[in-house]
PDB file of N, CA and C in Angstrom:
ATOM      1  N   MET A   1     162.915 164.053  54.223  1.00  0.00           N
ATOM      2  CA  MET A   1     162.586 164.251  52.817  1.00  0.00           C
ATOM      3  C   MET A   1     163.466 165.361  52.256  1.00  0.00           C
ATOM      4  N   LYS A   2     163.940 165.161  51.067  1.00  0.00           N
ATOM      5  CA  LYS A   2     164.822 166.114  50.422  1.00  0.00           C
ATOM      6  C   LYS A   2     164.042 167.345  49.964  1.00  0.00           C
ATOM      7  N   LYS A   3     164.639 168.522  50.147  1.00  0.00           N
ATOM      8  CA  LYS A   3     163.987 169.758  49.713  1.00  0.00           C
ATOM      9  C   LYS A   3     164.065 169.860  48.190  1.00  0.00           C
ATOM     10  N   LYS A   4     162.977 170.263  47.544  1.00  0.00           N
ATOM     11  CA  LYS A   4     162.923 170.365  46.090  1.00  0.00           C
ATOM     12  C   LYS A   4     163.744 171.565  45.622  1.00  0.00           C
ATOM     13  N   ASP A   5     164.567 171.330  44.609  1.00  0.00           N
ATOM     14  CA  ASP A   5     165.350 172.405  44.011  1.00  0.00           C
ATOM     15  C   ASP A   5     164.527 172.980  42.865  1.00  0.00           C
ATOM     16  N   LEU A   6     164.005 174.173  43.051  1.00  0.00           N
ATOM     17  CA  LEU A   6     163.124 174.777  42.044  1.00  0.00           C
ATOM     18  C   LEU A   6     163.863 175.074  40.747  1.00  0.00           C
ATOM     19  N   ASN A   7     165.148 175.378  40.819  1.00  0.00           N
ATOM     20  CA  ASN A   7     165.925 175.619  39.599  1.00  0.00           C
ATOM     21  C   ASN A   7     166.030 174.343  38.764  1.00  0.00           C
ATOM     22  N   GLU A   8     166.220 173.214  39.440  1.00  0.00           N
ATOM     23  CA  GLU A   8     166.299 171.931  38.747  1.00  0.00           C
ATOM     24  C   GLU A   8     164.962 171.607  38.075  1.00  0.00           C
ATOM     25  N   ILE A   9     163.864 171.854  38.781  1.00  0.00           N
ATOM     26  CA  ILE A   9     162.527 171.619  38.223  1.00  0.00           C
ATOM     27  C   ILE A   9     162.303 172.495  37.000  1.00  0.00           C
ATOM     28  N   ALA A  10     162.727 173.743  37.068  1.00  0.00           N
ATOM     29  CA  ALA A  10     162.571 174.672  35.943  1.00  0.00           C
ATOM     30  C   ALA A  10     163.383 174.211  34.739  1.00  0.00           C
ATOM     31  N   LYS A  11     164.585 173.702  34.967  1.00  0.00           N
ATOM     32  CA  LYS A  11     165.423 173.195  33.871  1.00  0.00           C
ATOM     33  C   LYS A  11     164.747 172.002  33.192  1.00  0.00           C
ATOM     34  N   ILE A  12     164.212 171.106  34.004  1.00  0.00           N
ATOM     35  CA  ILE A  12     163.543 169.925  33.447  1.00  0.00           C
ATOM     36  C   ILE A  12     162.315 170.331  32.646  1.00  0.00           C
ATOM     37  N   GLU A  13     161.533 171.252  33.193  1.00  0.00           N
ATOM     38  CA  GLU A  13     160.340 171.731  32.492  1.00  0.00           C
ATOM     39  C   GLU A  13     160.708 172.392  31.174  1.00  0.00           C
ATOM     40  N   LYS A  14     161.772 173.175  31.181  1.00  0.00           N
ATOM     41  CA  LYS A  14     162.211 173.865  29.964  1.00  0.00           C
ATOM     42  C   LYS A  14     162.650 172.855  28.907  1.00  0.00           C
ATOM     43  N   ALA A  15     163.377 171.825  29.333  1.00  0.00           N
ATOM     44  CA  ALA A  15     163.823 170.792  28.391  1.00  0.00           C
ATOM     45  C   ALA A  15     162.633 170.043  27.792  1.00  0.00           C
ATOM     46  N   ILE A  16     161.638 169.741  28.621  1.00  0.00           N
ATOM     47  CA  ILE A  16     160.433 169.064  28.130  1.00  0.00           C
ATOM     48  C   ILE A  16     159.702 169.946  27.131  1.00  0.00           C
ATOM     49  N   LYS A  17     159.595 171.236  27.449  1.00  0.00           N
ATOM     50  CA  LYS A  17     158.904 172.183  26.571  1.00  0.00           C
ATOM     51  C   LYS A  17     159.603 172.269  25.219  1.00  0.00           C
ATOM     52  N   GLU A  18     160.950 172.315  25.224  1.00  0.00           N
ATOM     53  CA  GLU A  18     161.704 172.405  23.968  1.00  0.00           C
ATOM     54  C   GLU A  18     161.547 171.143  23.134  1.00  0.00           C
ATOM     55  N   LYS A  19     161.500 170.000  23.795  1.00  0.00           N
ATOM     56  CA  LYS A  19     161.428 168.739  23.061  1.00  0.00           C
ATOM     57  C   LYS A  19     160.015 168.411  22.585  1.00  0.00           C
ATOM     58  N   TYR A  20     159.010 168.639  23.462  1.00  0.00           N
ATOM     59  CA  TYR A  20     157.649 168.189  23.146  1.00  0.00           C
ATOM     60  C   TYR A  20     156.638 169.307  22.915  1.00  0.00           C
ATOM     61  N   GLY A  21     156.983 170.540  23.219  1.00  0.00           N
ATOM     62  CA  GLY A  21     156.068 171.648  22.990  1.00  0.00           C
ATOM     63  C   GLY A  21     155.402 172.139  24.267  1.00  0.00           C
ATOM     64  N   GLU A  22     154.702 173.256  24.132  1.00  0.00           N
ATOM     65  CA  GLU A  22     154.076 173.944  25.263  1.00  0.00           C
ATOM     66  C   GLU A  22     153.017 173.088  25.963  1.00  0.00           C
ATOM     67  N   GLU A  23     152.256 172.299  25.182  1.00  0.00           N
ATOM     68  CA  GLU A  23     151.176 171.502  25.774  1.00  0.00           C
ATOM     69  C   GLU A  23     151.671 170.440  26.739  1.00  0.00           C
ATOM     70  N   ALA A  24     152.919 170.013  26.591  1.00  0.00           N
ATOM     71  CA  ALA A  24     153.454 168.949  27.431  1.00  0.00           C
ATOM     72  C   ALA A  24     153.636 169.375  28.881  1.00  0.00           C
ATOM     73  N   ILE A  25     153.774 170.656  29.112  1.00  0.00           N
ATOM     74  CA  ILE A  25     154.013 171.117  30.484  1.00  0.00           C
ATOM     75  C   ILE A  25     152.802 171.807  31.105  1.00  0.00           C
ATOM     76  N   GLN A  26     151.704 171.869  30.376  1.00  0.00           N
ATOM     77  CA  GLN A  26     150.502 172.508  30.907  1.00  0.00           C
ATOM     78  C   GLN A  26     149.783 171.585  31.878  1.00  0.00           C
ATOM     79  N   ASN A  27     149.042 172.196  32.787  1.00  0.00           N
ATOM     80  CA  ASN A  27     148.191 171.451  33.694  1.00  0.00           C
ATOM     81  C   ASN A  27     147.060 170.831  32.870  1.00  0.00           C
ATOM     82  N   PRO A  28     146.800 169.527  33.006  1.00  0.00           N
ATOM     83  CA  PRO A  28     145.763 168.877  32.201  1.00  0.00           C
ATOM     84  C   PRO A  28     144.372 169.501  32.365  1.00  0.00           C
ATOM     85  N   SER A  29     144.101 170.073  33.504  1.00  0.00           N
ATOM     86  CA  SER A  29     142.762 170.642  33.723  1.00  0.00           C
ATOM     87  C   SER A  29     142.629 172.065  33.184  1.00  0.00           C
ATOM     88  N   LYS A  30     143.687 172.599  32.576  1.00  0.00           N
ATOM     89  CA  LYS A  30     143.650 173.976  32.076  1.00  0.00           C
ATOM     90  C   LYS A  30     142.555 174.168  31.019  1.00  0.00           C
ATOM     91  N   ASN A  31     142.445 173.221  30.089  1.00  0.00           N
ATOM     92  CA  ASN A  31     141.475 173.348  28.995  1.00  0.00           C
ATOM     93  C   ASN A  31     140.193 172.550  29.245  1.00  0.00           C
ATOM     94  N   TRP A  32     140.023 172.030  30.457  1.00  0.00           N
ATOM     95  CA  TRP A  32     138.857 171.214  30.775  1.00  0.00           C
ATOM     96  C   TRP A  32     137.777 172.100  31.368  1.00  0.00           C
ATOM     97  N   ASN A  33     136.550 171.917  30.904  1.00  0.00           N
ATOM     98  CA  ASN A  33     135.443 172.702  31.444  1.00  0.00           C
ATOM     99  C   ASN A  33     134.219 171.812  31.631  1.00  0.00           C
ATOM    100  N   LYS A  34     133.159 172.385  32.133  1.00  0.00           N
ATOM    101  CA  LYS A  34     131.935 171.625  32.425  1.00  0.00           C
ATOM    102  C   LYS A  34     131.351 170.998  31.160  1.00  0.00           C
ATOM    103  N   GLU A  35     131.419 171.724  30.050  1.00  0.00           N
ATOM    104  CA  GLU A  35     130.878 171.217  28.784  1.00  0.00           C
ATOM    105  C   GLU A  35     131.643 169.971  28.323  1.00  0.00           C
ATOM    106  N   LYS A  36     132.966 170.016  28.399  1.00  0.00           N
ATOM    107  CA  LYS A  36     133.771 168.859  28.013  1.00  0.00           C
ATOM    108  C   LYS A  36     133.531 167.689  28.960  1.00  0.00           C
ATOM    109  N   GLU A  37     133.343 167.988  30.232  1.00  0.00           N
ATOM    110  CA  GLU A  37     133.072 166.941  31.218  1.00  0.00           C
ATOM    111  C   GLU A  37     131.764 166.228  30.890  1.00  0.00           C
ATOM    112  N   ASN A  38     130.718 166.997  30.586  1.00  0.00           N
ATOM    113  CA  ASN A  38     129.425 166.405  30.243  1.00  0.00           C
ATOM    114  C   ASN A  38     129.500 165.586  28.963  1.00  0.00           C
ATOM    115  N   MET A  39     130.240 166.081  27.971  1.00  0.00           N
ATOM    116  CA  MET A  39     130.386 165.360  26.720  1.00  0.00           C
ATOM    117  C   MET A  39     131.154 164.047  26.954  1.00  0.00           C
ATOM    118  N   TYR A  40     132.177 164.092  27.772  1.00  0.00           N
ATOM    119  CA  TYR A  40     132.956 162.902  28.106  1.00  0.00           C
ATOM    120  C   TYR A  40     132.076 161.869  28.801  1.00  0.00           C
ATOM    121  N   LEU A  41     131.306 162.285  29.780  1.00  0.00           N
ATOM    122  CA  LEU A  41     130.436 161.363  30.505  1.00  0.00           C
ATOM    123  C   LEU A  41     129.379 160.743  29.594  1.00  0.00           C
ATOM    124  N   LYS A  42     128.852 161.551  28.663  1.00  0.00           N
ATOM    125  CA  LYS A  42     127.853 161.055  27.712  1.00  0.00           C
ATOM    126  C   LYS A  42     128.471 159.996  26.797  1.00  0.00           C
ATOM    127  N   ASP A  43     129.669 160.275  26.280  1.00  0.00           N
ATOM    128  CA  ASP A  43     130.359 159.307  25.418  1.00  0.00           C
ATOM    129  C   ASP A  43     130.683 158.023  26.173  1.00  0.00           C
ATOM    130  N   LEU A  44     131.092 158.170  27.413  1.00  0.00           N
ATOM    131  CA  LEU A  44     131.412 157.019  28.248  1.00  0.00           C
ATOM    132  C   LEU A  44     130.181 156.149  28.478  1.00  0.00           C
ATOM    133  N   GLN A  45     129.055 156.806  28.732  1.00  0.00           N
ATOM    134  CA  GLN A  45     127.800 156.083  28.953  1.00  0.00           C
ATOM    135  C   GLN A  45     127.379 155.341  27.681  1.00  0.00           C
ATOM    136  N   GLN A  46     127.523 155.973  26.522  1.00  0.00           N
ATOM    137  CA  GLN A  46     127.186 155.322  25.259  1.00  0.00           C
ATOM    138  C   GLN A  46     128.084 154.110  25.008  1.00  0.00           C
ATOM    139  N   PHE A  47     129.368 154.272  25.283  1.00  0.00           N
ATOM    140  CA  PHE A  47     130.317 153.173  25.082  1.00  0.00           C
ATOM    141  C   PHE A  47     129.936 151.967  25.924  1.00  0.00           C
ATOM    142  N   TYR A  48     129.687 152.190  27.212  1.00  0.00           N
ATOM    143  CA  TYR A  48     129.374 151.072  28.088  1.00  0.00           C
ATOM    144  C   TYR A  48     128.004 150.468  27.802  1.00  0.00           C
ATOM    145  N   SER A  49     127.069 151.262  27.326  1.00  0.00           N
ATOM    146  CA  SER A  49     125.770 150.684  26.978  1.00  0.00           C
ATOM    147  C   SER A  49     125.907 149.787  25.750  1.00  0.00           C
ATOM    148  N   LYS A  50     126.760 150.179  24.787  1.00  0.00           N
ATOM    149  CA  LYS A  50     126.993 149.339  23.613  1.00  0.00           C
ATOM    150  C   LYS A  50     127.681 148.044  23.992  1.00  0.00           C
ATOM    151  N   THR A  51     128.727 148.132  24.807  1.00  0.00           N
ATOM    152  CA  THR A  51     129.462 146.924  25.181  1.00  0.00           C
ATOM    153  C   THR A  51     128.619 146.015  26.060  1.00  0.00           C
ATOM    154  N   GLU A  52     127.739 146.601  26.862  1.00  0.00           N
ATOM    155  CA  GLU A  52     126.854 145.785  27.695  1.00  0.00           C
ATOM    156  C   GLU A  52     125.846 145.053  26.824  1.00  0.00           C
ATOM    157  N   GLN A  53     125.368 145.716  25.761  1.00  0.00           N
ATOM    158  CA  GLN A  53     124.424 145.086  24.841  1.00  0.00           C
ATOM    159  C   GLN A  53     125.095 143.949  24.071  1.00  0.00           C
ATOM    160  N   GLN A  54     126.401 144.091  23.801  1.00  0.00           N
ATOM    161  CA  GLN A  54     127.119 143.059  23.067  1.00  0.00           C
ATOM    162  C   GLN A  54     127.485 141.882  23.965  1.00  0.00           C
ATOM    163  N   GLY A  55     127.228 142.000  25.248  1.00  0.00           N
ATOM    164  CA  GLY A  55     127.469 140.896  26.160  1.00  0.00           C
ATOM    165  C   GLY A  55     128.885 140.805  26.677  1.00  0.00           C
ATOM    166  N   GLU A  56     129.670 141.892  26.567  1.00  0.00           N
ATOM    167  CA  GLU A  56     131.048 141.847  27.043  1.00  0.00           C
ATOM    168  C   GLU A  56     131.141 142.117  28.542  1.00  0.00           C
ATOM    169  N   PHE A  57     130.122 142.783  29.089  1.00  0.00           N
ATOM    170  CA  PHE A  57     130.155 143.167  30.492  1.00  0.00           C
ATOM    171  C   PHE A  57     128.937 142.644  31.235  1.00  0.00           C
ATOM    172  N   LEU A  58     129.082 142.472  32.523  1.00  0.00           N
ATOM    173  CA  LEU A  58     127.978 142.112  33.407  1.00  0.00           C
ATOM    174  C   LEU A  58     127.834 143.208  34.453  1.00  0.00           C
ATOM    175  N   ARG A  59     126.623 143.463  34.896  1.00  0.00           N
ATOM    176  CA  ARG A  59     126.421 144.400  36.004  1.00  0.00           C
ATOM    177  C   ARG A  59     126.515 143.624  37.298  1.00  0.00           C
ATOM    178  N   ASP A  60     127.388 144.098  38.190  1.00  0.00           N
ATOM    179  CA  ASP A  60     127.571 143.437  39.470  1.00  0.00           C
ATOM    180  C   ASP A  60     127.688 144.501  40.546  1.00  0.00           C
ATOM    181  N   SER A  61     126.700 144.587  41.418  1.00  0.00           N
ATOM    182  CA  SER A  61     126.682 145.565  42.516  1.00  0.00           C
ATOM    183  C   SER A  61     126.832 146.989  42.009  1.00  0.00           C
ATOM    184  N   GLY A  62     126.208 147.312  40.901  1.00  0.00           N
ATOM    185  CA  GLY A  62     126.257 148.668  40.367  1.00  0.00           C
ATOM    186  C   GLY A  62     127.475 148.944  39.509  1.00  0.00           C
ATOM    187  N   PHE A  63     128.349 147.979  39.334  1.00  0.00           N
ATOM    188  CA  PHE A  63     129.548 148.155  38.526  1.00  0.00           C
ATOM    189  C   PHE A  63     129.463 147.268  37.295  1.00  0.00           C
ATOM    190  N   LEU A  64     130.141 147.709  36.226  1.00  0.00           N
ATOM    191  CA  LEU A  64     130.254 146.876  35.040  1.00  0.00           C
ATOM    192  C   LEU A  64     131.533 146.070  35.164  1.00  0.00           C
ATOM    193  N   VAL A  65     131.411 144.760  35.033  1.00  0.00           N
ATOM    194  CA  VAL A  65     132.551 143.865  35.155  1.00  0.00           C
ATOM    195  C   VAL A  65     132.688 143.100  33.851  1.00  0.00           C
ATOM    196  N   ARG A  66     133.892 143.100  33.282  1.00  0.00           N
ATOM    197  CA  ARG A  66     134.133 142.411  32.017  1.00  0.00           C
ATOM    198  C   ARG A  66     134.028 140.899  32.225  1.00  0.00           C
ATOM    199  N   LYS A  67     133.315 140.247  31.299  1.00  0.00           N
ATOM    200  CA  LYS A  67     133.234 138.795  31.335  1.00  0.00           C
ATOM    201  C   LYS A  67     134.595 138.243  30.970  1.00  0.00           C
ATOM    202  N   LYS A  68     135.058 137.333  31.743  1.00  0.00           N
ATOM    203  CA  LYS A  68     136.354 136.732  31.464  1.00  0.00           C
ATOM    204  C   LYS A  68     136.149 135.502  30.598  1.00  0.00           C
ATOM    205  N   LYS A  69     136.888 135.476  29.541  1.00  0.00           N
ATOM    206  CA  LYS A  69     136.800 134.338  28.634  1.00  0.00           C
ATOM    207  C   LYS A  69     137.950 133.399  28.976  1.00  0.00           C
ATOM    208  N   ARG A  70     137.691 132.529  29.897  1.00  0.00           N
ATOM    209  CA  ARG A  70     138.717 131.596  30.333  1.00  0.00           C
ATOM    210  C   ARG A  70     138.450 130.229  29.732  1.00  0.00           C
ATOM    211  N   THR A  71     139.506 129.586  29.412  1.00  0.00           N
ATOM    212  CA  THR A  71     139.381 128.202  28.989  1.00  0.00           C
ATOM    213  C   THR A  71     140.067 127.368  30.048  1.00  0.00           C
ATOM    214  N   LYS A  72     139.397 126.369  30.498  1.00  0.00           N
ATOM    215  CA  LYS A  72     139.956 125.521  31.531  1.00  0.00           C
ATOM    216  C   LYS A  72     140.997 124.608  30.886  1.00  0.00           C
ATOM    217  N   ALA A  73     142.203 124.663  31.421  1.00  0.00           N
ATOM    218  CA  ALA A  73     143.283 123.855  30.864  1.00  0.00           C
ATOM    219  C   ALA A  73     143.028 122.380  31.135  1.00  0.00           C
ATOM    220  N   LYS A  74     143.230 121.585  30.108  1.00  0.00           N
ATOM    221  CA  LYS A  74     143.094 120.142  30.265  1.00  0.00           C
ATOM    222  C   LYS A  74     144.347 119.632  30.962  1.00  0.00           C
ATOM    223  N   ARG A  75     144.183 118.755  31.911  1.00  0.00           N
ATOM    224  CA  ARG A  75     145.315 118.237  32.669  1.00  0.00           C
ATOM    225  C   ARG A  75     145.584 116.765  32.397  1.00  0.00           C
ATOM    226  N   THR A  76     144.625 116.041  31.846  1.00  0.00           N
ATOM    227  CA  THR A  76     144.799 114.614  31.596  1.00  0.00           C
ATOM    228  C   THR A  76     144.979 114.382  30.102  1.00  0.00           C
ATOM    229  N   CYS A  77     146.039 113.683  29.751  1.00  0.00           N
ATOM    230  CA  CYS A  77     146.322 113.389  28.344  1.00  0.00           C
ATOM    231  C   CYS A  77     145.336 112.339  27.844  1.00  0.00           C
ATOM    232  N   PRO A  78     144.609 112.597  26.744  1.00  0.00           N
ATOM    233  CA  PRO A  78     143.660 111.618  26.221  1.00  0.00           C
ATOM    234  C   PRO A  78     144.333 110.376  25.638  1.00  0.00           C
ATOM    235  N   GLN A  79     145.617 110.462  25.301  1.00  0.00           N
ATOM    236  CA  GLN A  79     146.311 109.326  24.696  1.00  0.00           C
ATOM    237  C   GLN A  79     146.819 108.333  25.741  1.00  0.00           C
ATOM    238  N   CYS A  80     147.537 108.855  26.761  1.00  0.00           N
ATOM    239  CA  CYS A  80     148.141 107.936  27.734  1.00  0.00           C
ATOM    240  C   CYS A  80     147.483 108.006  29.105  1.00  0.00           C
ATOM    241  N   GLY A  81     146.658 109.032  29.350  1.00  0.00           N
ATOM    242  CA  GLY A  81     145.959 109.157  30.620  1.00  0.00           C
ATOM    243  C   GLY A  81     146.778 109.771  31.734  1.00  0.00           C
ATOM    244  N   SER A  82     147.983 110.266  31.446  1.00  0.00           N
ATOM    245  CA  SER A  82     148.807 110.870  32.502  1.00  0.00           C
ATOM    246  C   SER A  82     148.240 112.232  32.892  1.00  0.00           C
ATOM    247  N   TYR A  83     148.457 112.604  34.164  1.00  0.00           N
ATOM    248  CA  TYR A  83     147.964 113.868  34.707  1.00  0.00           C
ATOM    249  C   TYR A  83     149.174 114.753  34.965  1.00  0.00           C
ATOM    250  N   SER A  84     149.122 116.024  34.499  1.00  0.00           N
ATOM    251  CA  SER A  84     150.298 116.876  34.608  1.00  0.00           C
ATOM    252  C   SER A  84     149.923 118.328  34.878  1.00  0.00           C
ATOM    253  N   PHE A  85     150.806 119.011  35.638  1.00  0.00           N
ATOM    254  CA  PHE A  85     150.687 120.449  35.837  1.00  0.00           C
ATOM    255  C   PHE A  85     151.782 121.194  35.091  1.00  0.00           C
ATOM    256  N   SER A  86     152.527 120.522  34.252  1.00  0.00           N
ATOM    257  CA  SER A  86     153.644 121.119  33.534  1.00  0.00           C
ATOM    258  C   SER A  86     153.146 122.123  32.499  1.00  0.00           C
ATOM    259  N   SER A  87     153.811 123.290  32.442  1.00  0.00           N
ATOM    260  CA  SER A  87     153.437 124.283  31.435  1.00  0.00           C
ATOM    261  C   SER A  87     153.805 123.781  30.042  1.00  0.00           C
ATOM    262  N   GLN A  88     154.809 122.935  29.959  1.00  0.00           N
ATOM    263  CA  GLN A  88     155.194 122.338  28.679  1.00  0.00           C
ATOM    264  C   GLN A  88     154.055 121.449  28.167  1.00  0.00           C
ATOM    265  N   ASP A  89     153.464 120.678  29.066  1.00  0.00           N
ATOM    266  CA  ASP A  89     152.339 119.833  28.672  1.00  0.00           C
ATOM    267  C   ASP A  89     151.136 120.686  28.256  1.00  0.00           C
ATOM    268  N   ASP A  90     150.942 121.844  28.912  1.00  0.00           N
ATOM    269  CA  ASP A  90     149.840 122.732  28.533  1.00  0.00           C
ATOM    270  C   ASP A  90     149.958 123.148  27.074  1.00  0.00           C
ATOM    271  N   LEU A  91     151.167 123.443  26.642  1.00  0.00           N
ATOM    272  CA  LEU A  91     151.401 123.851  25.261  1.00  0.00           C
ATOM    273  C   LEU A  91     151.007 122.742  24.288  1.00  0.00           C
ATOM    274  N   TYR A  92     151.477 121.538  24.539  1.00  0.00           N
ATOM    275  CA  TYR A  92     151.179 120.426  23.636  1.00  0.00           C
ATOM    276  C   TYR A  92     149.721 119.977  23.749  1.00  0.00           C
ATOM    277  N   MET A  93     149.151 120.138  24.942  1.00  0.00           N
ATOM    278  CA  MET A  93     147.743 119.784  25.134  1.00  0.00           C
ATOM    279  C   MET A  93     146.859 120.723  24.308  1.00  0.00           C
ATOM    280  N   THR A  94     147.232 121.992  24.252  1.00  0.00           N
ATOM    281  CA  THR A  94     146.463 122.967  23.482  1.00  0.00           C
ATOM    282  C   THR A  94     146.612 122.732  21.985  1.00  0.00           C
ATOM    283  N   LYS A  95     147.844 122.490  21.546  1.00  0.00           N
ATOM    284  CA  LYS A  95     148.094 122.377  20.111  1.00  0.00           C
ATOM    285  C   LYS A  95     147.783 121.001  19.536  1.00  0.00           C
ATOM    286  N   PHE A  96     148.142 119.933  20.270  1.00  0.00           N
ATOM    287  CA  PHE A  96     147.999 118.585  19.713  1.00  0.00           C
ATOM    288  C   PHE A  96     147.078 117.670  20.506  1.00  0.00           C
ATOM    289  N   GLU A  97     146.524 118.148  21.615  1.00  0.00           N
ATOM    290  CA  GLU A  97     145.649 117.355  22.484  1.00  0.00           C
ATOM    291  C   GLU A  97     146.365 116.110  23.014  1.00  0.00           C
ATOM    292  N   CYS A  98     147.595 116.306  23.468  1.00  0.00           N
ATOM    293  CA  CYS A  98     148.353 115.232  24.108  1.00  0.00           C
ATOM    294  C   CYS A  98     149.464 115.840  24.954  1.00  0.00           C
ATOM    295  N   CYS A  99     150.075 115.036  25.839  1.00  0.00           N
ATOM    296  CA  CYS A  99     151.174 115.518  26.678  1.00  0.00           C
ATOM    297  C   CYS A  99     152.477 115.537  25.871  1.00  0.00           C
ATOM    298  N   PHE A 100     153.529 116.072  26.477  1.00  0.00           N
ATOM    299  CA  PHE A 100     154.810 116.165  25.791  1.00  0.00           C
ATOM    300  C   PHE A 100     155.373 114.790  25.439  1.00  0.00           C
ATOM    301  N   GLU A 101     155.242 113.831  26.357  1.00  0.00           N
ATOM    302  CA  GLU A 101     155.772 112.489  26.095  1.00  0.00           C
ATOM    303  C   GLU A 101     155.070 111.842  24.901  1.00  0.00           C
ATOM    304  N   CYS A 102     153.757 111.999  24.800  1.00  0.00           N
ATOM    305  CA  CYS A 102     153.025 111.452  23.647  1.00  0.00           C
ATOM    306  C   CYS A 102     153.405 112.197  22.373  1.00  0.00           C
ATOM    307  N   TYR A 103     153.663 113.494  22.496  1.00  0.00           N
ATOM    308  CA  TYR A 103     154.111 114.263  21.332  1.00  0.00           C
ATOM    309  C   TYR A 103     155.403 113.673  20.782  1.00  0.00           C
ATOM    310  N   VAL A 104     156.363 113.446  21.678  1.00  0.00           N
ATOM    311  CA  VAL A 104     157.648 112.894  21.245  1.00  0.00           C
ATOM    312  C   VAL A 104     157.465 111.498  20.653  1.00  0.00           C
ATOM    313  N   GLN A 105     156.624 110.682  21.273  1.00  0.00           N
ATOM    314  CA  GLN A 105     156.452 109.298  20.836  1.00  0.00           C
ATOM    315  C   GLN A 105     155.645 109.183  19.542  1.00  0.00           C
ATOM    316  N   TYR A 106     154.567 109.956  19.401  1.00  0.00           N
ATOM    317  CA  TYR A 106     153.649 109.753  18.278  1.00  0.00           C
ATOM    318  C   TYR A 106     153.644 110.853  17.217  1.00  0.00           C
ATOM    319  N   ILE A 107     153.972 112.091  17.589  1.00  0.00           N
ATOM    320  CA  ILE A 107     153.717 113.200  16.675  1.00  0.00           C
ATOM    321  C   ILE A 107     154.981 113.786  16.065  1.00  0.00           C
ATOM    322  N   GLU A 108     156.037 113.908  16.828  1.00  0.00           N
ATOM    323  CA  GLU A 108     157.246 114.570  16.362  1.00  0.00           C
ATOM    324  C   GLU A 108     157.715 113.976  15.037  1.00  0.00           C
ATOM    325  N   GLY A 109     157.790 114.822  14.027  1.00  0.00           N
ATOM    326  CA  GLY A 109     158.182 114.377  12.688  1.00  0.00           C
ATOM    327  C   GLY A 109     157.030 113.845  11.864  1.00  0.00           C
ATOM    328  N   ARG A 110     155.853 113.676  12.475  1.00  0.00           N
ATOM    329  CA  ARG A 110     154.682 113.132  11.771  1.00  0.00           C
ATOM    330  C   ARG A 110     153.435 113.988  12.025  1.00  0.00           C
ATOM    331  N   GLU A 111     153.641 115.287  12.102  1.00  0.00           N
ATOM    332  CA  GLU A 111     152.533 116.191  12.430  1.00  0.00           C
ATOM    333  C   GLU A 111     151.407 116.131  11.404  1.00  0.00           C
ATOM    334  N   GLN A 112     151.747 115.996  10.140  1.00  0.00           N
ATOM    335  CA  GLN A 112     150.722 115.953   9.090  1.00  0.00           C
ATOM    336  C   GLN A 112     149.791 114.757   9.300  1.00  0.00           C
ATOM    337  N   ARG A 113     150.341 113.616   9.633  1.00  0.00           N
ATOM    338  CA  ARG A 113     149.532 112.415   9.876  1.00  0.00           C
ATOM    339  C   ARG A 113     148.634 112.642  11.095  1.00  0.00           C
ATOM    340  N   TRP A 114     149.178 113.243  12.153  1.00  0.00           N
ATOM    341  CA  TRP A 114     148.404 113.513  13.376  1.00  0.00           C
ATOM    342  C   TRP A 114     147.260 114.472  13.079  1.00  0.00           C
ATOM    343  N   ASN A 115     147.562 115.553  12.339  1.00  0.00           N
ATOM    344  CA  ASN A 115     146.532 116.557  12.007  1.00  0.00           C
ATOM    345  C   ASN A 115     145.460 116.015  11.084  1.00  0.00           C
ATOM    346  N   SER A 116     145.787 114.967  10.321  1.00  0.00           N
ATOM    347  CA  SER A 116     144.774 114.382   9.446  1.00  0.00           C
ATOM    348  C   SER A 116     143.815 113.469  10.190  1.00  0.00           C
ATOM    349  N   GLY A 117     144.118 113.193  11.496  1.00  0.00           N
ATOM    350  CA  GLY A 117     143.178 112.431  12.291  1.00  0.00           C
ATOM    351  C   GLY A 117     143.695 111.124  12.849  1.00  0.00           C
ATOM    352  N   TRP A 118     144.892 110.715  12.483  1.00  0.00           N
ATOM    353  CA  TRP A 118     145.444 109.459  12.986  1.00  0.00           C
ATOM    354  C   TRP A 118     145.688 109.533  14.485  1.00  0.00           C
ATOM    355  N   ARG A 119     145.326 108.490  15.210  1.00  0.00           N
ATOM    356  CA  ARG A 119     145.607 108.378  16.634  1.00  0.00           C
ATOM    357  C   ARG A 119     146.071 106.956  16.916  1.00  0.00           C
ATOM    358  N   PRO A 120     146.966 106.772  17.894  1.00  0.00           N
ATOM    359  CA  PRO A 120     147.449 105.422  18.196  1.00  0.00           C
ATOM    360  C   PRO A 120     146.355 104.574  18.824  1.00  0.00           C
ATOM    361  N   ASN A 121     146.450 103.243  18.651  1.00  0.00           N
ATOM    362  CA  ASN A 121     145.508 102.324  19.295  1.00  0.00           C
ATOM    363  C   ASN A 121     145.801 102.308  20.790  1.00  0.00           C
ATOM    364  N   SER A 122     144.787 102.222  21.586  1.00  0.00           N
ATOM    365  CA  SER A 122     144.961 102.285  23.053  1.00  0.00           C
ATOM    366  C   SER A 122     145.793 101.146  23.554  1.00  0.00           C
TER     367      SER A 122
END
């Protein structure tokens, strides 16, 4: 391991102090005390109790775990019935409810008609 050059560290600290001010080089715990710690913990407890009441978190083994809002990606095209793992198809499946091939065949250039509800006969 390389030995630390204290002069180099002092130069870096001085440059940081000149650019960002005295607070940038202070130890973070310098201004922290028991009163601030208690206030922080109280605010944290209030925050998590509010979010838990809103249903954003679940309690699991003593921990708060954020509920994941996942949407299951559709893999089968409702128009042609093809099954795909393509990320390109995911995009068109989300936006137009069809695969890329059906987009090219039925929708490209006719998006207004598609959005108004028109669908091809099976």
